[in-house]
Amino acid sequence: MPPQSWPDRLKEHRALIVLLFFSFGLKLLLLNLMEVLPDDGPLFIAQAEKFAQGAWQDGLALNRSLFLYPLLIAGAHFLVGDMVLAGQLISLTTSVLALVPVYLLTRGLFGPAAAFWGGLAFVVAPGFNDCAVKVMRDPTFLCLFAWAGYFAWRALIDKRIVYGFLFLGSAVISAFFRVEGILFPVIFFIYLWLVRFSEPGKRASCIRQAVVLLIVLSSLAGAYHLSDLKNSGIADYNNLSYYLHQVLGGGIFSIIPEIKTGLKNMEMATPFGWNHNDFASIAREHIRLIYFIGLLFCLARTIFSPFSIVFVAGVLFCKKFSRGSLILLFSAAVYLLVCFVFLLNMNFIESRYVFAPAVLLFPWIGFGLQKMWDLRNRNPRLGIAIPLVFLGLFLVPPYKSIAKLEHQVVSGKEAGIWLGEQDGLNQKKMVTNNGEIPFYSGRSREEIIHVLTRGEEDFKRMEQIALDEGAELIGIVVKDNYESDIPDYGSFGLRKKFADGKYLSLIFQKKPY
């Protein structure tokens, strides 16, 4: 078969090109609407500034976590001249390029029609778009992990070692952005071992291999424990060690004791709680099921809830599963199990924590959408209904992503800019519960004390912390309907108040001033 010319290749992939332009346009719109740097953005920018100045150890000291993303920001800012824009453009670019492996993977499994619908679903998925233009490392992780999934499939289908190395490289590099990326090669080799174990006459050798592998892993774990890696600041080793200690110390599927105690106390405090089958006792007895349902809802919201139903339909419509497709479903299931264990032991989970299993589901979402679209040909009465359903499926997620930007802490940005203009005031030490005020006032992270606030008692505690630490400023961001939680500080007076319709930002200064 003669090699294809470039025009033929462009024609073959014109759907991918259209989707890339659409994805770029959507992300560009989100970037234009992004007014405030949220989440961990100020931390990564502070690190990048230290790296750009050559202060490597100072940058690592700010955040003993995975450092490659702020290092990329430090490099990219020399091209665009702005740290924040550099971080946003890295996220935007990798978010757009993550579509390519998803499209190619779906095309290889189910054909070009499913690839188009699966790619379009991926482009509009709200969970991915929520961080697509933020200064966060998750979009880059998503892109690398999606490529790892594609190369894992190619390695099993084509049985070429080059795809195995590309898979390993993509997965390992992704682990420099989110630590769970390192699990993918482990899952891949476990899957290969299970496939080999199922073959007749191979079980004895598989058992020997498993024993050798356990010895090697135990040796590596011991070497790690005795080494200084966990204190090096080069990667997220401290957090990983903490999570493993929590899981192995209390049991893989154990529940935080405070949760059980709280439910028992609730059982005694609610009407008829002493009776059988009250809410608290039902929740206590089925708490793992409740957690699992919560995890599934988190996954569904990440990919857009109707798409989760389409995924199930796609799996049911799929009549044949190859080893290449099963590795994706197997990996997604293992990652969900890891997320479930994390949720049980840590009592929280964020949407970005399920990016790994979520992105592996889109081939079946594309296949399910293709089957739905094909219903028009089988039943003429559905000729108008199906396009209307599809219109809703692909218009609602972008609308949700845009609407979510209305919840930016604009008042925090305004407060920070105002504070930065007050020469005598901005040099004073600050206690704060947010990142927007100190970031936009131009403060370094060493000049602030961050306090987690969850209610009135925590806001009261901020005054005492400020007095103990010798801080003369308190910066608070709170939802406007929780203003009553902020007490009247005896030693601090309100200097400035900013409101944006969603949040209030207040700056207090120590008396007298």
Protein backbone atom coordinates (compact mmCIF):
# COMPACT_ATOMS: atom_id res chain seq x y z
CA MET A 1 0.00 0.00 0.00
CA PRO A 2 1.62 3.32 -1.09
CA PRO A 3 2.29 5.94 1.57
CA GLN A 4 -0.31 8.67 1.93
CA SER A 5 0.41 12.20 0.76
CA TRP A 6 -0.02 15.13 3.16
CA PRO A 7 -3.31 16.26 1.52
CA ASP A 8 -4.69 12.73 1.96
CA ARG A 9 -3.64 12.69 5.61
CA LEU A 10 -5.24 16.07 6.22
CA LYS A 11 -8.44 14.86 4.57
CA GLU A 12 -8.41 11.70 6.69
CA HIS A 13 -8.03 13.71 9.89
CA ARG A 14 -10.10 16.75 8.97
CA ALA A 15 -12.59 15.92 11.76
CA LEU A 16 -9.71 16.03 14.26
CA ILE A 17 -8.55 19.38 12.87
CA VAL A 18 -12.09 20.82 13.20
CA LEU A 19 -12.30 19.57 16.79
CA LEU A 20 -8.89 21.05 17.62
CA PHE A 21 -9.98 24.47 16.34
CA PHE A 22 -13.25 24.23 18.27
CA SER A 23 -11.41 23.22 21.44
CA PHE A 24 -8.94 26.07 21.00
CA GLY A 25 -11.78 28.55 20.52
CA LEU A 26 -13.62 27.36 23.63
CA LYS A 27 -10.47 27.49 25.76
CA LEU A 28 -9.64 30.93 24.39
CA LEU A 29 -13.10 32.13 25.43
CA LEU A 30 -12.58 30.72 28.93
CA LEU A 31 -9.16 32.41 29.10
CA ASN A 32 -10.71 35.73 28.13
CA LEU A 33 -13.31 35.37 30.91
CA MET A 34 -10.75 34.36 33.54
CA GLU A 35 -10.21 37.47 35.67
CA VAL A 36 -8.69 36.05 38.84
CA LEU A 37 -5.87 33.59 39.41
CA PRO A 38 -7.48 30.85 41.54
CA ASP A 39 -6.57 27.66 43.42
CA ASP A 40 -2.84 26.84 43.57
CA GLY A 41 -1.90 29.40 40.91
CA PRO A 42 -0.17 31.90 43.25
CA LEU A 43 1.95 29.09 44.69
CA PHE A 44 3.15 27.90 41.27
CA ILE A 45 3.83 31.48 40.16
CA ALA A 46 5.88 32.11 43.32
CA GLN A 47 7.88 28.95 42.63
CA ALA A 48 8.39 29.88 38.98
CA GLU A 49 9.69 33.32 39.98
CA LYS A 50 12.25 31.72 42.28
CA PHE A 51 13.35 29.29 39.55
CA ALA A 52 13.64 32.14 37.02
CA GLN A 53 15.94 33.94 39.46
CA GLY A 54 18.08 30.81 39.83
CA ALA A 55 17.03 30.32 43.45
CA TRP A 56 16.36 26.58 43.09
CA GLN A 57 16.31 25.65 46.77
CA ASP A 58 14.13 28.65 47.66
CA GLY A 59 11.64 27.59 45.00
CA LEU A 60 11.49 24.03 46.30
CA ALA A 61 11.11 25.29 49.86
CA LEU A 62 7.89 27.12 48.90
CA ASN A 63 6.18 23.88 47.91
CA ARG A 64 7.76 20.50 48.52
CA SER A 65 5.87 18.99 45.65
CA LEU A 66 6.24 18.14 41.98
CA PHE A 67 8.29 20.95 40.47
CA LEU A 68 8.24 20.45 36.68
CA TYR A 69 5.16 22.62 36.04
CA PRO A 70 6.53 25.79 37.73
CA LEU A 71 9.82 25.09 35.96
CA LEU A 72 7.95 25.14 32.63
CA ILE A 73 6.30 28.42 33.63
CA ALA A 74 9.72 29.90 34.43
CA GLY A 75 10.94 28.93 30.96
CA ALA A 76 7.81 30.01 29.08
CA HIS A 77 7.66 33.42 30.75
CA PHE A 78 10.84 34.44 28.89
CA LEU A 79 8.83 34.05 25.67
CA VAL A 80 5.59 35.81 26.71
CA GLY A 81 6.95 38.18 29.35
CA ASP A 82 4.36 37.36 32.01
CA MET A 83 4.36 34.52 34.55
CA VAL A 84 0.58 34.22 34.87
CA LEU A 85 0.01 34.24 31.12
CA ALA A 86 2.81 31.70 30.66
CA GLY A 87 1.13 29.30 33.09
CA GLN A 88 -2.28 29.81 31.48
CA LEU A 89 -0.91 29.24 27.97
CA ILE A 90 0.79 26.00 29.05
CA SER A 91 -2.53 24.79 30.47
CA LEU A 92 -4.47 25.93 27.40
CA THR A 93 -2.05 24.28 24.95
CA THR A 94 -1.91 20.95 26.75
CA SER A 95 -5.70 20.95 27.24
CA VAL A 96 -6.19 21.34 23.49
CA LEU A 97 -3.53 18.77 22.57
CA ALA A 98 -4.99 16.17 24.97
CA LEU A 99 -7.75 15.76 22.38
CA VAL A 100 -5.35 14.15 19.88
CA PRO A 101 -4.69 10.85 21.76
CA VAL A 102 -8.36 10.62 22.80
CA TYR A 103 -9.45 10.99 19.16
CA LEU A 104 -6.83 8.55 17.81
CA LEU A 105 -7.64 5.99 20.50
CA THR A 106 -11.39 6.15 19.85
CA ARG A 107 -10.81 6.02 16.09
CA GLY A 108 -8.66 2.92 16.43
CA LEU A 109 -11.24 1.16 18.59
CA PHE A 110 -14.55 2.16 17.00
CA GLY A 111 -13.93 4.11 13.79
CA PRO A 112 -13.98 7.79 12.69
CA ALA A 113 -17.64 8.50 13.54
CA ALA A 114 -17.22 7.41 17.17
CA ALA A 115 -13.90 9.31 17.28
CA PHE A 116 -15.65 12.53 16.26
CA TRP A 117 -18.40 12.20 18.87
CA GLY A 118 -15.98 11.03 21.58
CA GLY A 119 -13.60 13.87 20.77
CA LEU A 120 -16.41 16.43 20.85
CA ALA A 121 -17.59 15.06 24.22
CA PHE A 122 -14.03 15.35 25.54
CA VAL A 123 -13.73 18.95 24.32
CA VAL A 124 -16.85 20.09 26.18
CA ALA A 125 -16.44 17.94 29.35
CA PRO A 126 -16.89 20.43 32.22
CA GLY A 127 -14.44 18.83 34.65
CA PHE A 128 -11.56 19.21 32.21
CA ASN A 129 -12.56 22.71 31.14
CA ASP A 130 -12.73 23.90 34.75
CA CYS A 131 -8.93 23.85 34.90
CA ALA A 132 -8.15 24.18 31.17
CA VAL A 133 -6.84 27.77 31.44
CA LYS A 134 -5.93 27.93 35.12
CA VAL A 135 -2.38 27.96 36.41
CA MET A 136 -2.54 24.31 37.42
CA ARG A 137 -0.49 21.25 36.56
CA ASP A 138 -3.55 19.05 35.91
CA PRO A 139 -4.08 19.90 32.18
CA THR A 140 -0.49 18.90 31.39
CA PHE A 141 -0.92 15.70 33.37
CA LEU A 142 -4.14 14.98 31.49
CA CYS A 143 -2.43 15.40 28.12
CA LEU A 144 0.51 13.14 29.00
CA PHE A 145 -1.74 10.54 30.61
CA ALA A 146 -4.03 10.46 27.55
CA TRP A 147 -0.99 9.81 25.35
CA ALA A 148 0.08 7.05 27.75
CA GLY A 149 -3.35 5.44 27.33
CA TYR A 150 -3.08 5.62 23.55
CA PHE A 151 0.43 4.11 23.51
CA ALA A 152 -0.63 1.36 25.94
CA TRP A 153 -3.37 0.38 23.50
CA ARG A 154 -0.99 0.52 20.51
CA ALA A 155 1.60 -1.56 22.38
CA LEU A 156 -0.93 -4.37 22.89
CA ILE A 157 -2.46 -4.13 19.41
CA ASP A 158 0.70 -3.74 17.28
CA LYS A 159 3.04 -5.60 19.69
CA ARG A 160 5.88 -3.20 18.84
CA ILE A 161 8.36 -2.38 21.55
CA VAL A 162 8.59 1.26 20.47
CA TYR A 163 5.02 1.82 21.65
CA GLY A 164 5.90 0.18 24.95
CA PHE A 165 8.73 2.67 25.47
CA LEU A 166 6.50 5.58 24.42
CA PHE A 167 3.86 4.42 26.90
CA LEU A 168 6.40 4.11 29.68
CA GLY A 169 7.90 7.51 28.90
CA SER A 170 4.53 9.29 28.78
CA ALA A 171 3.36 7.69 32.02
CA VAL A 172 6.58 8.43 33.89
CA ILE A 173 6.69 12.06 32.72
CA SER A 174 3.01 12.48 33.69
CA ALA A 175 4.00 11.42 37.21
CA PHE A 176 6.06 14.62 37.45
CA PHE A 177 2.77 16.53 37.26
CA ARG A 178 0.52 14.25 39.33
CA VAL A 179 1.99 11.44 41.35
CA GLU A 180 -0.74 8.93 40.38
CA GLY A 181 0.71 8.78 36.87
CA ILE A 182 3.36 6.36 38.12
CA LEU A 183 0.63 3.79 38.79
CA PHE A 184 -0.14 3.36 35.09
CA PRO A 185 2.96 1.24 34.25
CA VAL A 186 2.29 -0.87 37.35
CA ILE A 187 -1.33 -1.43 36.27
CA PHE A 188 -0.17 -2.21 32.73
CA PHE A 189 2.26 -4.91 33.89
CA ILE A 190 -0.32 -6.37 36.28
CA TYR A 191 -2.72 -6.63 33.35
CA LEU A 192 -0.09 -8.38 31.21
CA TRP A 193 0.61 -10.74 34.10
CA LEU A 194 -3.10 -11.58 34.45
CA VAL A 195 -3.37 -12.23 30.70
CA ARG A 196 -0.37 -14.53 30.84
CA PHE A 197 -1.66 -16.21 34.01
CA SER A 198 -4.91 -17.10 32.20
CA GLU A 199 -3.02 -18.97 29.48
CA PRO A 200 -2.67 -22.75 29.94
CA GLY A 201 0.71 -23.93 31.25
CA LYS A 202 1.91 -20.44 32.23
CA ARG A 203 0.65 -20.22 35.81
CA ALA A 204 3.71 -21.67 37.56
CA SER A 205 6.09 -19.23 35.87
CA CYS A 206 3.68 -16.37 36.59
CA ILE A 207 3.67 -17.20 40.30
CA ARG A 208 7.50 -17.22 40.33
CA GLN A 209 7.53 -13.85 38.58
CA ALA A 210 5.08 -12.44 41.13
CA VAL A 211 7.26 -13.60 44.03
CA VAL A 212 10.37 -12.02 42.47
CA LEU A 213 8.45 -8.80 41.83
CA LEU A 214 7.24 -8.64 45.45
CA ILE A 215 10.83 -9.07 46.67
CA VAL A 216 12.03 -6.29 44.36
CA LEU A 217 9.21 -3.94 45.42
CA SER A 218 9.84 -4.68 49.10
CA SER A 219 13.55 -3.93 48.60
CA LEU A 220 12.75 -0.64 46.83
CA ALA A 221 10.30 0.33 49.59
CA GLY A 222 12.94 -0.41 52.23
CA ALA A 223 15.59 1.55 50.33
CA TYR A 224 13.20 4.49 49.99
CA HIS A 225 12.39 4.42 53.69
CA LEU A 226 16.08 4.47 54.62
CA SER A 227 17.00 7.14 52.06
CA ASP A 228 16.57 10.92 52.16
CA LEU A 229 14.28 11.01 49.10
CA LYS A 230 11.19 11.67 51.18
CA ASN A 231 12.86 14.83 52.51
CA SER A 232 14.43 15.99 49.25
CA GLY A 233 11.59 18.22 48.07
CA ILE A 234 12.04 16.84 44.55
CA ALA A 235 8.63 15.17 44.41
CA ASP A 236 5.43 14.64 46.34
CA TYR A 237 7.04 11.96 48.52
CA ASN A 238 5.87 13.29 51.87
CA ASN A 239 2.19 13.30 50.88
CA LEU A 240 2.50 9.87 49.27
CA SER A 241 4.11 8.45 52.40
CA TYR A 242 1.38 10.01 54.55
CA TYR A 243 -1.41 8.52 52.42
CA LEU A 244 0.21 5.08 52.43
CA HIS A 245 0.65 5.26 56.20
CA GLN A 246 -3.01 6.18 56.61
CA VAL A 247 -4.16 3.31 54.38
CA LEU A 248 -1.82 0.59 55.63
CA GLY A 249 -2.03 1.67 59.25
CA GLY A 250 -5.81 1.61 59.56
CA GLY A 251 -6.74 -0.90 56.87
CA ILE A 252 -7.35 -0.32 53.16
CA PHE A 253 -11.11 0.12 53.48
CA SER A 254 -11.14 1.63 56.96
CA ILE A 255 -13.15 4.73 57.85
CA ILE A 256 -11.82 7.76 59.72
CA PRO A 257 -12.81 7.19 63.40
CA GLU A 258 -14.17 10.75 63.76
CA ILE A 259 -16.75 10.01 61.04
CA LYS A 260 -18.08 6.99 62.92
CA THR A 261 -18.14 8.92 66.21
CA GLY A 262 -19.95 11.83 64.56
CA LEU A 263 -22.64 9.55 63.14
CA LYS A 264 -23.13 7.88 66.53
CA ASN A 265 -23.53 11.27 68.17
CA MET A 266 -25.93 12.31 65.44
CA GLU A 267 -27.94 9.15 66.05
CA MET A 268 -28.48 10.14 69.68
CA ALA A 269 -29.21 13.81 68.87
CA THR A 270 -31.86 13.37 66.16
CA PRO A 271 -35.58 12.63 66.75
CA PHE A 272 -36.20 8.90 67.28
CA GLY A 273 -32.50 8.25 66.74
CA TRP A 274 -32.64 5.60 69.45
CA ASN A 275 -34.94 3.53 67.20
CA HIS A 276 -33.93 1.21 64.36
CA ASN A 277 -33.16 2.33 60.78
CA ASP A 278 -32.88 6.03 61.48
CA PHE A 279 -30.81 8.10 59.03
CA ALA A 280 -27.63 8.15 61.12
CA SER A 281 -27.60 4.38 61.70
CA ILE A 282 -28.34 3.68 58.01
CA ALA A 283 -25.50 6.01 57.00
CA ARG A 284 -23.14 4.40 59.55
CA GLU A 285 -23.92 0.85 58.41
CA HIS A 286 -23.67 1.67 54.70
CA ILE A 287 -21.03 4.37 54.79
CA ARG A 288 -18.71 2.67 52.28
CA LEU A 289 -21.56 2.38 49.79
CA ILE A 290 -22.36 6.07 50.33
CA TYR A 291 -18.73 6.99 49.73
CA PHE A 292 -18.65 4.87 46.56
CA ILE A 293 -21.82 6.50 45.23
CA GLY A 294 -20.26 9.89 45.98
CA LEU A 295 -17.15 8.88 44.01
CA LEU A 296 -19.26 7.83 41.02
CA PHE A 297 -21.10 11.15 41.13
CA CYS A 298 -17.75 12.96 41.21
CA LEU A 299 -16.66 11.01 38.12
CA ALA A 300 -19.99 11.67 36.38
CA ARG A 301 -19.79 15.42 37.05
CA THR A 302 -16.25 15.50 35.69
CA ILE A 303 -17.20 14.03 32.31
CA PHE A 304 -20.78 15.50 32.40
CA SER A 305 -23.46 13.31 33.98
CA PRO A 306 -25.39 12.37 30.79
CA PHE A 307 -22.11 11.20 29.23
CA SER A 308 -21.74 8.67 32.07
CA ILE A 309 -25.03 7.10 30.95
CA VAL A 310 -23.79 7.15 27.36
CA PHE A 311 -20.61 5.39 28.52
CA VAL A 312 -22.65 2.55 30.04
CA ALA A 313 -24.64 2.30 26.80
CA GLY A 314 -21.39 2.24 24.80
CA VAL A 315 -20.03 -0.65 26.87
CA LEU A 316 -23.31 -2.57 26.48
CA PHE A 317 -23.37 -1.96 22.72
CA CYS A 318 -19.77 -3.18 22.41
CA LYS A 319 -19.97 -6.84 21.40
CA LYS A 320 -16.26 -7.62 21.40
CA PHE A 321 -13.44 -6.54 23.69
CA SER A 322 -9.83 -6.87 22.58
CA ARG A 323 -6.83 -6.94 24.90
CA GLY A 324 -6.13 -3.37 23.82
CA SER A 325 -9.56 -2.14 24.89
CA LEU A 326 -9.62 -4.16 28.10
CA ILE A 327 -6.40 -2.55 29.34
CA LEU A 328 -8.20 0.80 29.27
CA LEU A 329 -11.24 -0.44 31.20
CA PHE A 330 -9.03 -2.39 33.61
CA SER A 331 -6.86 0.68 34.24
CA ALA A 332 -9.90 2.90 34.77
CA ALA A 333 -11.32 0.40 37.27
CA VAL A 334 -8.04 0.18 39.22
CA TYR A 335 -7.70 3.96 39.32
CA LEU A 336 -11.27 4.23 40.60
CA LEU A 337 -10.43 1.69 43.30
CA VAL A 338 -7.41 3.79 44.30
CA CYS A 339 -9.63 6.90 44.40
CA PHE A 340 -12.15 5.01 46.53
CA VAL A 341 -9.47 4.00 49.05
CA PHE A 342 -8.22 7.59 49.10
CA LEU A 343 -11.74 8.89 49.71
CA LEU A 344 -12.35 6.44 52.56
CA ASN A 345 -9.10 7.30 54.30
CA MET A 346 -8.95 11.05 53.63
CA ASN A 347 -12.69 11.91 53.63
CA PHE A 348 -12.48 14.13 50.53
CA ILE A 349 -11.81 13.95 46.81
CA GLU A 350 -11.63 16.57 44.08
CA SER A 351 -12.71 16.36 40.47
CA ARG A 352 -9.12 16.50 39.20
CA TYR A 353 -8.26 13.39 41.23
CA VAL A 354 -10.46 11.31 38.87
CA PHE A 355 -8.98 12.71 35.64
CA ALA A 356 -7.00 9.49 35.06
CA PRO A 357 -9.96 7.08 34.98
CA ALA A 358 -12.25 9.67 33.36
CA VAL A 359 -10.16 10.21 30.23
CA LEU A 360 -9.97 6.45 29.58
CA LEU A 361 -13.79 6.24 29.28
CA PHE A 362 -14.21 8.51 26.25
CA PRO A 363 -13.81 5.85 23.53
CA TRP A 364 -16.98 4.17 24.83
CA ILE A 365 -18.71 7.53 25.22
CA GLY A 366 -17.95 8.19 21.54
CA PHE A 367 -19.21 4.74 20.58
CA GLY A 368 -22.40 5.20 22.60
CA LEU A 369 -23.05 8.58 20.97
CA GLN A 370 -22.47 7.07 17.53
CA LYS A 371 -25.05 4.38 18.24
CA MET A 372 -27.50 7.02 19.45
CA TRP A 373 -26.96 9.07 16.28
CA ASP A 374 -27.50 5.96 14.14
CA LEU A 375 -30.98 5.57 15.65
CA ARG A 376 -32.14 8.31 13.24
CA ASN A 377 -31.71 5.94 10.31
CA ARG A 378 -33.51 3.07 12.01
CA ASN A 379 -36.50 5.08 13.21
CA PRO A 380 -37.54 8.08 11.06
CA ARG A 381 -39.74 9.40 13.88
CA LEU A 382 -36.54 10.16 15.82
CA GLY A 383 -35.19 12.28 12.97
CA ILE A 384 -35.68 15.59 14.81
CA ALA A 385 -35.52 14.37 18.42
CA ILE A 386 -31.99 12.94 18.21
CA PRO A 387 -30.35 16.14 16.87
CA LEU A 388 -32.15 18.14 19.58
CA VAL A 389 -30.85 15.77 22.27
CA PHE A 390 -27.32 16.06 20.85
CA LEU A 391 -27.63 19.84 20.76
CA GLY A 392 -28.41 19.83 24.47
CA LEU A 393 -25.62 17.37 25.23
CA PHE A 394 -22.98 19.56 23.62
CA LEU A 395 -24.29 23.02 24.55
CA VAL A 396 -25.00 22.53 28.26
CA PRO A 397 -21.40 21.60 29.33
CA PRO A 398 -19.75 24.73 27.82
CA TYR A 399 -22.51 26.85 29.35
CA LYS A 400 -21.79 25.28 32.76
CA SER A 401 -18.06 25.96 32.37
CA ILE A 402 -18.70 29.60 31.46
CA ALA A 403 -21.28 30.03 34.24
CA LYS A 404 -18.82 28.68 36.80
CA LEU A 405 -16.50 31.60 36.05
CA GLU A 406 -19.09 33.89 37.63
CA HIS A 407 -17.85 32.60 41.00
CA GLN A 408 -14.39 34.15 40.70
CA VAL A 409 -13.19 36.09 43.72
CA VAL A 410 -13.02 39.43 41.92
CA SER A 411 -13.28 41.33 45.19
CA GLY A 412 -10.13 39.56 46.42
CA LYS A 413 -8.26 40.78 43.36
CA GLU A 414 -9.54 44.33 43.89
CA ALA A 415 -8.54 44.22 47.56
CA GLY A 416 -5.07 42.99 46.66
CA ILE A 417 -4.57 45.71 44.03
CA TRP A 418 -5.72 48.37 46.52
CA LEU A 419 -3.40 47.05 49.21
CA GLY A 420 -0.49 47.00 46.76
CA GLU A 421 -0.99 50.72 46.16
CA GLN A 422 -0.72 51.55 49.89
CA ASP A 423 3.05 51.88 50.31
CA GLY A 424 3.15 52.09 54.09
CA LEU A 425 0.46 49.46 54.61
CA ASN A 426 1.53 46.79 52.16
CA GLN A 427 4.84 46.14 53.92
CA LYS A 428 3.11 44.95 57.10
CA LYS A 429 2.82 41.26 57.98
CA MET A 430 -0.53 39.67 57.13
CA VAL A 431 -2.73 36.78 58.29
CA THR A 432 -5.19 35.69 55.59
CA ASN A 433 -7.57 32.90 54.64
CA ASN A 434 -7.10 33.19 50.86
CA GLY A 435 -4.50 33.60 48.13
CA GLU A 436 -6.01 36.37 46.03
CA ILE A 437 -5.34 39.37 48.33
CA PRO A 438 -1.63 38.66 48.97
CA PHE A 439 -0.97 37.64 45.36
CA TYR A 440 -2.46 40.75 43.78
CA SER A 441 -0.81 42.99 46.39
CA GLY A 442 2.55 41.69 45.19
CA ARG A 443 3.49 39.91 48.40
CA SER A 444 5.79 36.91 48.59
CA ARG A 445 4.52 33.80 50.35
CA GLU A 446 7.06 34.31 53.17
CA GLU A 447 5.23 37.52 54.14
CA ILE A 448 1.85 35.92 54.87
CA ILE A 449 0.39 33.42 57.34
CA HIS A 450 -2.40 31.33 55.83
CA VAL A 451 -5.28 30.15 58.04
CA LEU A 452 -7.99 27.69 57.00
CA THR A 453 -11.42 29.08 57.91
CA ARG A 454 -14.58 26.98 58.05
CA GLY A 455 -16.78 29.05 60.35
CA GLU A 456 -17.11 31.73 63.00
CA GLU A 457 -14.65 30.14 65.44
CA ASP A 458 -11.88 30.08 62.84
CA PHE A 459 -12.45 33.76 62.02
CA LYS A 460 -12.15 34.58 65.73
CA ARG A 461 -8.93 32.54 65.88
CA MET A 462 -7.36 34.68 63.14
CA GLU A 463 -7.08 37.69 65.48
CA GLN A 464 -5.17 35.71 68.11
CA ILE A 465 -2.87 34.22 65.46
CA ALA A 466 -2.16 37.72 64.13
CA LEU A 467 -1.31 38.95 67.64
CA ASP A 468 0.90 35.93 68.37
CA GLU A 469 2.77 36.27 65.06
CA GLY A 470 3.15 40.04 65.23
CA ALA A 471 1.01 40.60 62.12
CA GLU A 472 -0.62 43.99 61.65
CA LEU A 473 -3.02 43.03 58.84
CA ILE A 474 -5.84 40.48 58.50
CA GLY A 475 -7.18 39.75 55.01
CA ILE A 476 -10.45 37.84 54.75
CA VAL A 477 -12.46 36.57 51.79
CA VAL A 478 -15.91 35.17 52.56
CA LYS A 479 -19.13 34.52 50.66
CA ASP A 480 -21.37 37.55 51.02
CA ASN A 481 -24.08 35.60 52.87
CA TYR A 482 -21.56 34.56 55.55
CA GLU A 483 -20.50 38.08 56.54
CA SER A 484 -22.14 37.59 59.94
CA ASP A 485 -19.50 34.93 60.76
CA ILE A 486 -16.81 37.62 60.90
CA PRO A 487 -16.56 38.93 64.48
CA ASP A 488 -15.81 42.45 65.67
CA TYR A 489 -12.08 42.31 66.30
CA GLY A 490 -11.03 44.11 69.45
CA SER A 491 -7.46 44.80 68.36
CA PHE A 492 -8.10 45.27 64.63
CA GLY A 493 -10.29 47.71 62.73
CA LEU A 494 -11.76 47.44 59.23
CA ARG A 495 -9.73 49.49 56.76
CA LYS A 496 -11.36 48.53 53.45
CA LYS A 497 -14.22 46.38 52.19
CA PHE A 498 -14.77 45.11 48.63
CA ALA A 499 -17.84 43.33 47.23
CA ASP A 500 -18.47 41.67 43.85
CA GLY A 501 -21.97 40.24 44.37
CA LYS A 502 -20.64 36.78 45.30
CA TYR A 503 -17.81 37.38 47.74
CA LEU A 504 -16.72 39.98 50.26
CA SER A 505 -13.06 40.84 50.78
CA LEU A 506 -12.08 42.72 53.90
CA ILE A 507 -8.79 44.14 55.12
CA PHE A 508 -8.35 44.76 58.84
CA GLN A 509 -5.44 46.69 60.39
CA LYS A 510 -4.15 46.59 63.94
CA LYS A 511 -5.24 49.51 66.10
CA PRO A 512 -4.28 52.29 66.41
CA TYR A 513 -3.70 53.26 62.80
